[in-house]
N, C-alpha and C. Protein backbone atom coordinates (compact mmCIF):
# COMPACT_ATOMS: atom_id res chain seq x y z
N MET A 1 -54.11 82.53 259.58
CA MET A 1 -53.39 82.22 258.33
C MET A 1 -52.62 80.92 258.56
N LYS A 2 -52.64 80.08 257.59
CA LYS A 2 -52.00 78.79 257.66
C LYS A 2 -51.33 78.47 256.32
N ALA A 3 -50.03 78.18 256.40
CA ALA A 3 -49.32 77.76 255.17
C ALA A 3 -49.73 76.38 254.76
N ILE A 4 -49.61 76.07 253.49
CA ILE A 4 -49.93 74.73 253.02
C ILE A 4 -48.73 74.18 252.27
N GLY A 5 -48.73 72.85 252.05
CA GLY A 5 -47.67 72.24 251.29
C GLY A 5 -46.32 72.37 251.95
N ARG A 6 -45.32 72.72 251.17
CA ARG A 6 -43.95 72.83 251.65
C ARG A 6 -43.53 74.29 251.86
N TYR A 7 -44.48 75.15 252.20
CA TYR A 7 -44.22 76.54 252.40
C TYR A 7 -44.30 76.96 253.84
N LEU A 8 -43.60 78.05 254.13
CA LEU A 8 -43.59 78.66 255.48
C LEU A 8 -44.05 80.10 255.38
N ILE A 9 -44.71 80.58 256.38
CA ILE A 9 -45.01 82.04 256.49
C ILE A 9 -44.07 82.58 257.54
N VAL A 10 -43.26 83.54 257.16
CA VAL A 10 -42.16 84.03 258.00
C VAL A 10 -42.26 85.52 258.23
N GLU A 11 -42.06 85.94 259.46
CA GLU A 11 -41.96 87.37 259.79
C GLU A 11 -40.50 87.77 259.69
N GLN A 12 -40.21 88.69 258.80
CA GLN A 12 -38.84 89.14 258.54
C GLN A 12 -38.32 89.91 259.73
N SER A 13 -37.08 89.61 260.13
CA SER A 13 -36.45 90.30 261.28
C SER A 13 -36.05 91.72 260.86
N ASP A 14 -36.33 92.69 261.73
CA ASP A 14 -35.97 94.08 261.49
C ASP A 14 -34.70 94.50 262.24
N ALA A 15 -34.03 93.53 262.89
CA ALA A 15 -32.85 93.85 263.66
C ALA A 15 -31.75 94.35 262.75
N PRO A 16 -30.98 95.37 263.18
CA PRO A 16 -29.88 95.86 262.38
C PRO A 16 -28.81 94.81 262.24
N VAL A 17 -28.20 94.74 261.07
CA VAL A 17 -27.13 93.78 260.79
C VAL A 17 -25.77 94.34 261.26
N LYS A 18 -25.07 93.53 262.04
CA LYS A 18 -23.75 93.95 262.56
C LYS A 18 -22.66 92.99 262.09
N THR A 19 -21.45 93.51 261.97
CA THR A 19 -20.32 92.69 261.67
C THR A 19 -19.80 92.04 262.99
N GLN A 20 -18.83 91.14 262.91
CA GLN A 20 -18.27 90.52 264.11
C GLN A 20 -17.59 91.60 265.01
N ALA A 21 -17.13 92.68 264.41
CA ALA A 21 -16.47 93.75 265.19
C ALA A 21 -17.49 94.70 265.79
N GLY A 22 -18.77 94.50 265.49
CA GLY A 22 -19.83 95.33 266.05
C GLY A 22 -20.23 96.52 265.22
N LEU A 23 -19.73 96.64 264.01
CA LEU A 23 -20.11 97.76 263.12
C LEU A 23 -21.42 97.45 262.48
N LEU A 24 -22.26 98.53 262.38
CA LEU A 24 -23.54 98.34 261.70
C LEU A 24 -23.35 98.35 260.19
N VAL A 25 -24.08 97.43 259.51
CA VAL A 25 -24.00 97.36 258.06
C VAL A 25 -25.06 98.28 257.50
N THR A 26 -24.73 99.05 256.49
CA THR A 26 -25.70 99.98 255.89
C THR A 26 -26.78 99.23 255.14
N ALA A 27 -27.88 99.92 254.87
CA ALA A 27 -28.93 99.30 254.11
C ALA A 27 -28.52 98.84 252.72
N GLN A 28 -27.64 99.64 252.11
CA GLN A 28 -27.17 99.29 250.77
C GLN A 28 -26.32 98.02 250.82
N ASP A 29 -25.46 97.91 251.82
CA ASP A 29 -24.64 96.69 251.99
C ASP A 29 -25.47 95.49 252.39
N SER A 30 -26.45 95.70 253.27
CA SER A 30 -27.28 94.57 253.72
C SER A 30 -28.18 94.06 252.56
N ALA A 31 -28.49 94.86 251.58
CA ALA A 31 -29.24 94.42 250.41
C ALA A 31 -28.47 93.42 249.58
N GLN A 32 -27.14 93.41 249.73
CA GLN A 32 -26.27 92.48 248.99
C GLN A 32 -26.17 91.16 249.69
N ILE A 33 -26.59 91.08 250.99
CA ILE A 33 -26.55 89.84 251.74
C ILE A 33 -27.69 88.95 251.27
N ARG A 34 -27.36 87.74 250.85
CA ARG A 34 -28.40 86.88 250.23
C ARG A 34 -29.36 86.27 251.22
N TYR A 35 -28.92 85.99 252.44
CA TYR A 35 -29.74 85.27 253.41
C TYR A 35 -30.34 86.23 254.43
N GLN A 36 -31.61 85.99 254.79
CA GLN A 36 -32.36 86.86 255.68
C GLN A 36 -32.79 86.07 256.90
N GLU A 37 -32.79 86.70 258.06
CA GLU A 37 -33.31 86.07 259.28
C GLU A 37 -34.81 86.35 259.43
N GLY A 38 -35.52 85.36 259.97
CA GLY A 38 -36.92 85.56 260.19
C GLY A 38 -37.49 84.55 261.20
N LYS A 39 -38.66 84.86 261.74
CA LYS A 39 -39.31 84.00 262.72
C LYS A 39 -40.49 83.31 261.99
N VAL A 40 -40.59 82.02 262.16
CA VAL A 40 -41.62 81.22 261.49
C VAL A 40 -42.97 81.46 262.17
N LEU A 41 -43.95 81.91 261.42
CA LEU A 41 -45.32 82.14 261.94
C LEU A 41 -46.21 80.94 261.70
N SER A 42 -46.01 80.26 260.55
CA SER A 42 -46.85 79.15 260.20
C SER A 42 -46.05 78.18 259.30
N VAL A 43 -46.23 76.89 259.52
CA VAL A 43 -45.57 75.90 258.65
C VAL A 43 -46.59 75.17 257.86
N GLY A 44 -46.22 74.77 256.66
CA GLY A 44 -47.11 74.03 255.75
C GLY A 44 -47.34 72.59 256.21
N THR A 45 -48.36 72.00 255.65
CA THR A 45 -48.71 70.64 255.98
C THR A 45 -47.68 69.57 255.72
N ASP A 46 -46.77 69.81 254.75
CA ASP A 46 -45.77 68.83 254.36
C ASP A 46 -44.37 69.15 254.91
N VAL A 47 -44.23 70.15 255.76
CA VAL A 47 -42.93 70.54 256.33
C VAL A 47 -42.70 69.69 257.56
N LYS A 48 -41.52 69.04 257.63
CA LYS A 48 -41.25 68.06 258.67
C LYS A 48 -40.38 68.58 259.83
N HIS A 49 -39.30 69.33 259.49
CA HIS A 49 -38.24 69.62 260.49
C HIS A 49 -38.21 71.04 260.94
N ILE A 50 -39.16 71.86 260.59
CA ILE A 50 -39.23 73.25 261.02
C ILE A 50 -40.52 73.47 261.71
N HIS A 51 -40.50 74.21 262.84
CA HIS A 51 -41.70 74.39 263.65
C HIS A 51 -42.02 75.85 263.86
N GLU A 52 -43.25 76.18 264.19
CA GLU A 52 -43.66 77.54 264.43
C GLU A 52 -42.87 78.11 265.60
N GLY A 53 -42.48 79.41 265.47
CA GLY A 53 -41.73 80.09 266.51
C GLY A 53 -40.25 79.98 266.38
N GLU A 54 -39.73 79.11 265.50
CA GLU A 54 -38.26 78.98 265.36
C GLU A 54 -37.73 80.13 264.49
N VAL A 55 -36.51 80.52 264.73
CA VAL A 55 -35.81 81.51 263.95
C VAL A 55 -35.01 80.78 262.86
N ILE A 56 -35.18 81.27 261.62
CA ILE A 56 -34.51 80.61 260.52
C ILE A 56 -33.76 81.65 259.70
N TYR A 57 -32.84 81.19 258.88
CA TYR A 57 -32.22 81.98 257.82
C TYR A 57 -32.64 81.38 256.49
N TYR A 58 -33.11 82.22 255.58
CA TYR A 58 -33.61 81.71 254.32
C TYR A 58 -33.04 82.57 253.14
N ASP A 59 -33.07 81.96 251.98
CA ASP A 59 -32.63 82.68 250.76
C ASP A 59 -33.73 83.64 250.36
N LYS A 60 -33.44 84.95 250.50
CA LYS A 60 -34.48 85.95 250.23
C LYS A 60 -34.86 86.05 248.76
N VAL A 61 -33.95 85.56 247.87
CA VAL A 61 -34.24 85.55 246.42
C VAL A 61 -35.39 84.58 246.13
N ALA A 62 -35.46 83.50 246.90
CA ALA A 62 -36.46 82.45 246.61
C ALA A 62 -37.79 82.72 247.31
N SER A 63 -37.88 83.74 248.16
CA SER A 63 -39.11 84.06 248.89
C SER A 63 -39.95 85.09 248.19
N HIS A 64 -41.17 85.24 248.65
CA HIS A 64 -42.09 86.22 248.10
C HIS A 64 -42.73 87.02 249.21
N LYS A 65 -42.79 88.33 249.02
CA LYS A 65 -43.39 89.21 250.01
C LYS A 65 -44.90 89.23 249.78
N ALA A 66 -45.64 89.18 250.93
CA ALA A 66 -47.09 89.25 250.85
C ALA A 66 -47.62 90.06 252.04
N ARG A 67 -48.81 90.47 251.94
CA ARG A 67 -49.50 91.18 253.02
C ARG A 67 -50.73 90.38 253.45
N LEU A 68 -50.63 89.79 254.64
CA LEU A 68 -51.71 88.92 255.15
C LEU A 68 -52.22 89.51 256.45
N GLY A 69 -53.51 89.79 256.52
CA GLY A 69 -54.08 90.31 257.73
C GLY A 69 -53.47 91.63 258.18
N GLY A 70 -53.08 92.46 257.22
CA GLY A 70 -52.48 93.73 257.57
C GLY A 70 -51.03 93.66 257.99
N GLN A 71 -50.47 92.46 257.91
CA GLN A 71 -49.08 92.31 258.31
C GLN A 71 -48.22 91.88 257.10
N SER A 72 -47.07 92.47 256.94
CA SER A 72 -46.16 92.16 255.87
C SER A 72 -45.34 90.93 256.27
N VAL A 73 -45.43 89.86 255.42
CA VAL A 73 -44.75 88.60 255.72
C VAL A 73 -44.01 88.11 254.46
N GLN A 74 -43.18 87.11 254.62
CA GLN A 74 -42.52 86.45 253.53
C GLN A 74 -43.05 85.05 253.40
N ILE A 75 -43.32 84.61 252.17
CA ILE A 75 -43.72 83.24 251.91
C ILE A 75 -42.46 82.53 251.37
N VAL A 76 -42.02 81.52 252.13
CA VAL A 76 -40.73 80.91 251.88
C VAL A 76 -40.90 79.43 251.63
N PRO A 77 -40.38 78.89 250.50
CA PRO A 77 -40.44 77.44 250.32
C PRO A 77 -39.45 76.73 251.30
N GLU A 78 -39.78 75.59 251.74
CA GLU A 78 -38.94 74.85 252.66
C GLU A 78 -37.54 74.71 252.14
N SER A 79 -37.38 74.49 250.83
CA SER A 79 -36.08 74.33 250.19
C SER A 79 -35.18 75.54 250.30
N ALA A 80 -35.75 76.72 250.57
CA ALA A 80 -34.95 77.94 250.67
C ALA A 80 -34.36 78.18 252.05
N VAL A 81 -34.75 77.35 253.04
CA VAL A 81 -34.28 77.50 254.42
C VAL A 81 -32.88 76.88 254.46
N VAL A 82 -31.91 77.68 254.98
CA VAL A 82 -30.53 77.17 255.07
C VAL A 82 -30.06 76.94 256.50
N VAL A 83 -30.68 77.61 257.53
CA VAL A 83 -30.31 77.43 258.92
C VAL A 83 -31.57 77.52 259.77
N VAL A 84 -31.68 76.59 260.73
CA VAL A 84 -32.72 76.68 261.77
C VAL A 84 -31.99 76.89 263.07
N MET A 85 -32.33 77.98 263.79
CA MET A 85 -31.66 78.30 265.04
C MET A 85 -32.30 77.56 266.17
């Protein structure tokens, strides 16, 4: 699978969300968090500053869930990426 244009294919992180004090955030509370962590699986042909394998935070409202090759992934426009780790 290969992304095209200014899109990224991202594997959503399943790690539990913790506060700075180490408390786990419930599923209901984490649903209110706008930004999601994920690992980049494929970058589009027009994406310049993000590379495969990098961990990013993206606006989950702007992304789309898809099933590619039996794997659940997020299709994220480059403009929705807010942090590259």
